[in-house]
Amino acid sequence: MTSFVGNHGLLAVFILMFVAAILPAASELTMVYGGALASGALAGHIAHFKPGLHAYLAVVVVGVVANVLGAAVGWAIGFYGGHPLLERHGRWLHATPQRVARAERWFDHFGAVAVPLGFATPFVRSFVALPAGVFEWPLRRMLPLATLGCTVFCAAVAGIGWAVGSNWSRASHDLRYVDYAVVAGIVLAVAYLVLRRRRAATIGAPHDDSSR
């Protein structure tokens, strides 16, 4: 991912931040590395713009624009998919009808705070736009709040990358263990879902046989 950003610059930042509004596509790493490149500490890794404050601002602006556009797409998926989307696939997220109803009430009451805070929070930020669409939150209301949250996130995380600068190699080495933990968590989650589905199929099999 860092090679992708290093080789393609702002285009890579745009693509990754667009996807990160819908799926957890490591927006944190994208903006940290973009900020480190903009600082000039990794000069030679990128040839798409000269390092400096203008490069930092370019990374932030592109990240915000891409994130907000991605959020609009995520909102549209949730809005047009609606509750049937959760009814068909919600079980994979343990989204029972009671939990969905509770989340909808919470979103209605605290959405004005939840949206910008969600988009400003690492990892959680990838799971804000779709529920906003499912719960039919007005797009014209969500986008300004999403822009606020995305701006805070991109400016702060890219600023961390700028500050890390020449210490990127050591920081990326430390972050490698976080990557391992994330991958391990994904593998365990997939294994759990597969085993749970097989167990449900096994329990259901006797009923099918007895009915015959």
Protein backbone atom coordinates (compact mmCIF):
# COMPACT_ATOMS: atom_id res chain seq x y z
CA MET A 1 0.00 0.00 0.00
CA THR A 2 2.81 2.41 0.79
CA SER A 3 4.42 1.49 -2.53
CA PHE A 4 1.13 2.27 -4.27
CA VAL A 5 1.05 5.71 -2.66
CA GLY A 6 4.74 6.25 -3.34
CA ASN A 7 4.44 5.27 -7.01
CA HIS A 8 1.16 7.02 -7.84
CA GLY A 9 1.01 9.89 -5.36
CA LEU A 10 -2.26 11.78 -5.08
CA LEU A 11 -4.07 9.36 -7.40
CA ALA A 12 -3.35 6.52 -4.98
CA VAL A 13 -4.43 8.67 -2.03
CA PHE A 14 -7.70 9.44 -3.82
CA ILE A 15 -8.46 5.78 -4.65
CA LEU A 16 -7.63 4.45 -1.20
CA MET A 17 -9.51 7.17 0.67
CA PHE A 18 -12.54 6.75 -1.60
CA VAL A 19 -12.72 3.02 -0.81
CA ALA A 20 -12.00 3.65 2.88
CA ALA A 21 -15.31 5.48 3.25
CA ILE A 22 -17.11 2.18 2.64
CA LEU A 23 -14.60 -0.53 3.59
CA PRO A 24 -11.72 -0.50 6.10
CA ALA A 25 -8.98 0.17 3.51
CA ALA A 26 -6.30 1.48 5.88
CA SER A 27 -7.09 5.18 5.56
CA GLU A 28 -4.86 5.72 8.59
CA LEU A 29 -1.78 4.32 6.86
CA THR A 30 -2.61 6.15 3.63
CA MET A 31 -2.73 9.56 5.27
CA VAL A 32 0.24 8.95 7.57
CA TYR A 33 2.41 7.91 4.65
CA GLY A 34 1.10 10.75 2.48
CA GLY A 35 2.03 13.22 5.21
CA ALA A 36 5.49 11.68 5.57
CA LEU A 37 6.05 11.99 1.83
CA ALA A 38 4.85 15.59 1.84
CA SER A 39 7.36 16.45 4.57
CA GLY A 40 10.24 15.65 2.19
CA ALA A 41 11.79 13.17 4.61
CA LEU A 42 11.15 10.38 2.09
CA ALA A 43 12.23 12.36 -0.95
CA GLY A 44 12.95 10.05 -3.82
CA HIS A 45 10.00 7.81 -3.02
CA ILE A 46 7.67 10.05 -4.93
CA ALA A 47 8.06 12.31 -7.94
CA HIS A 48 4.57 13.63 -8.37
CA PHE A 49 4.94 16.84 -6.38
CA LYS A 50 7.66 18.67 -4.52
CA PRO A 51 7.60 18.31 -0.74
CA GLY A 52 6.48 21.21 1.40
CA LEU A 53 3.39 22.73 2.98
CA HIS A 54 1.60 22.81 -0.37
CA ALA A 55 2.19 19.06 -0.72
CA TYR A 56 0.76 18.45 2.76
CA LEU A 57 -2.32 20.53 1.90
CA ALA A 58 -2.71 18.65 -1.38
CA VAL A 59 -2.67 15.29 0.44
CA VAL A 60 -5.26 16.52 2.95
CA VAL A 61 -7.58 18.06 0.34
CA VAL A 62 -7.46 15.00 -1.93
CA GLY A 63 -8.03 12.71 1.04
CA VAL A 64 -11.06 14.73 2.20
CA VAL A 65 -12.63 15.00 -1.26
CA ALA A 66 -12.18 11.28 -1.97
CA ASN A 67 -13.49 10.30 1.47
CA VAL A 68 -16.61 12.45 1.13
CA LEU A 69 -17.34 11.14 -2.37
CA GLY A 70 -16.92 7.60 -1.10
CA ALA A 71 -19.25 8.40 1.80
CA ALA A 72 -21.90 9.56 -0.69
CA VAL A 73 -21.60 6.23 -2.52
CA GLY A 74 -21.82 4.30 0.76
CA TRP A 75 -24.88 6.33 1.73
CA ALA A 76 -26.51 5.52 -1.64
CA ILE A 77 -25.86 1.79 -1.18
CA GLY A 78 -27.50 1.90 2.24
CA PHE A 79 -30.36 4.15 1.14
CA TYR A 80 -31.38 2.16 -1.91
CA GLY A 81 -30.61 -1.21 -0.30
CA GLY A 82 -32.48 -0.16 2.85
CA HIS A 83 -33.55 -2.47 5.63
CA PRO A 84 -33.81 -5.46 3.24
CA LEU A 85 -30.02 -5.18 2.90
CA LEU A 86 -29.63 -5.66 6.65
CA GLU A 87 -32.29 -8.37 6.72
CA ARG A 88 -30.43 -10.40 4.09
CA HIS A 89 -26.88 -9.85 5.28
CA GLY A 90 -27.22 -8.44 8.79
CA ARG A 91 -26.81 -11.84 10.45
CA TRP A 92 -23.14 -11.81 9.46
CA LEU A 93 -22.81 -8.70 11.63
CA HIS A 94 -25.15 -10.01 14.36
CA ALA A 95 -27.58 -7.25 13.36
CA THR A 96 -30.80 -8.56 14.88
CA PRO A 97 -34.03 -6.58 14.28
CA GLN A 98 -33.89 -5.35 17.89
CA ARG A 99 -30.33 -4.10 17.50
CA VAL A 100 -31.14 -2.44 14.18
CA ALA A 101 -34.13 -0.64 15.74
CA ARG A 102 -31.99 0.50 18.68
CA ALA A 103 -29.23 1.74 16.34
CA GLU A 104 -31.78 3.63 14.27
CA ARG A 105 -33.14 5.42 17.33
CA TRP A 106 -29.59 6.25 18.45
CA PHE A 107 -28.73 7.56 14.99
CA ASP A 108 -31.85 9.73 14.90
CA HIS A 109 -31.08 11.29 18.28
CA PHE A 110 -27.30 11.67 18.05
CA GLY A 111 -26.63 11.66 14.31
CA ALA A 112 -25.47 15.30 14.29
CA VAL A 113 -22.65 14.28 16.62
CA ALA A 114 -22.21 10.66 15.55
CA VAL A 115 -21.51 11.44 11.88
CA PRO A 116 -18.57 13.88 12.24
CA LEU A 117 -17.19 11.98 15.23
CA GLY A 118 -17.46 8.69 13.36
CA PHE A 119 -15.65 10.00 10.28
CA ALA A 120 -12.94 11.46 12.50
CA THR A 121 -12.37 8.17 14.34
CA PRO A 122 -9.97 5.53 12.96
CA PHE A 123 -11.56 2.25 11.78
CA VAL A 124 -15.07 3.30 12.87
CA ARG A 125 -15.09 5.83 10.04
CA SER A 126 -15.60 3.08 7.45
CA PHE A 127 -18.95 2.10 9.04
CA VAL A 128 -20.81 5.40 9.14
CA ALA A 129 -22.01 6.19 5.60
CA LEU A 130 -23.87 2.93 4.91
CA PRO A 131 -25.96 2.98 8.14
CA ALA A 132 -26.75 6.65 7.51
CA GLY A 133 -28.26 5.62 4.18
CA VAL A 134 -30.09 2.61 5.60
CA PHE A 135 -31.69 4.79 8.28
CA GLU A 136 -32.61 7.35 5.59
CA TRP A 137 -30.58 10.16 7.05
CA PRO A 138 -30.78 13.13 4.59
CA LEU A 139 -27.73 13.20 2.32
CA ARG A 140 -27.68 17.01 2.32
CA ARG A 141 -27.35 16.84 6.10
CA MET A 142 -24.79 14.05 6.21
CA LEU A 143 -22.29 15.40 3.67
CA PRO A 144 -21.35 18.64 5.52
CA LEU A 145 -20.91 16.72 8.76
CA ALA A 146 -18.93 14.01 6.97
CA THR A 147 -16.73 16.72 5.44
CA LEU A 148 -16.05 18.12 8.91
CA GLY A 149 -15.08 14.72 10.33
CA CYS A 150 -12.99 13.77 7.29
CA THR A 151 -11.14 17.10 7.41
CA VAL A 152 -10.23 16.63 11.07
CA PHE A 153 -9.09 13.07 10.43
CA CYS A 154 -7.05 13.76 7.28
CA ALA A 155 -5.39 16.90 8.66
CA ALA A 156 -4.51 15.25 11.96
CA VAL A 157 -3.27 11.91 10.60
CA ALA A 158 -1.34 13.47 7.71
CA GLY A 159 0.13 15.87 10.29
CA ILE A 160 1.32 12.87 12.29
CA GLY A 161 2.97 11.55 9.13
CA TRP A 162 4.62 14.93 8.59
CA ALA A 163 5.91 14.88 12.18
CA VAL A 164 7.14 11.29 11.90
CA GLY A 165 9.05 12.21 8.76
CA SER A 166 12.55 10.81 8.84
CA ASN A 167 11.58 8.31 11.54
CA TRP A 168 9.18 6.59 9.13
CA SER A 169 11.25 3.42 8.86
CA ARG A 170 11.16 2.86 12.61
CA ALA A 171 7.48 3.81 12.85
CA SER A 172 6.49 1.53 9.97
CA HIS A 173 8.41 -1.32 11.62
CA ASP A 174 6.35 -0.80 14.79
CA LEU A 175 3.12 -0.54 12.81
CA ARG A 176 3.90 -3.90 11.19
CA TYR A 177 2.79 -5.64 14.39
CA VAL A 178 -0.53 -3.79 14.21
CA ASP A 179 -0.92 -5.12 10.66
CA TYR A 180 -0.30 -8.64 11.94
CA ALA A 181 -2.95 -8.18 14.63
CA VAL A 182 -5.51 -6.89 12.10
CA VAL A 183 -4.85 -9.80 9.71
CA ALA A 184 -5.10 -12.30 12.58
CA GLY A 185 -8.39 -10.74 13.67
CA ILE A 186 -9.82 -11.01 10.15
CA VAL A 187 -8.75 -14.65 9.85
CA LEU A 188 -10.31 -15.50 13.22
CA ALA A 189 -13.53 -13.71 12.31
CA VAL A 190 -13.83 -15.57 9.01
CA ALA A 191 -13.08 -18.89 10.71
CA TYR A 192 -15.73 -18.17 13.35
CA LEU A 193 -18.37 -17.37 10.71
CA VAL A 194 -17.55 -20.49 8.69
CA LEU A 195 -17.70 -22.75 11.76
CA ARG A 196 -20.91 -21.14 12.93
CA ARG A 197 -22.55 -21.68 9.55
CA ARG A 198 -21.43 -25.32 9.41
CA ARG A 199 -22.72 -25.91 12.92
CA ALA A 200 -26.09 -24.42 12.02
CA ALA A 201 -26.25 -26.65 8.93
CA THR A 202 -25.38 -29.71 11.01
CA ILE A 203 -28.05 -28.95 13.61
CA GLY A 204 -30.62 -28.34 10.90
CA ALA A 205 -29.89 -31.59 9.06
CA PRO A 206 -31.72 -33.96 11.50
CA HIS A 207 -34.88 -31.87 11.18
CA ASP A 208 -34.78 -32.25 7.42
CA ASP A 209 -34.36 -36.03 7.70
CA SER A 210 -37.11 -36.44 10.31
CA SER A 211 -39.56 -34.43 8.25
CA ARG A 212 -39.23 -36.93 5.46
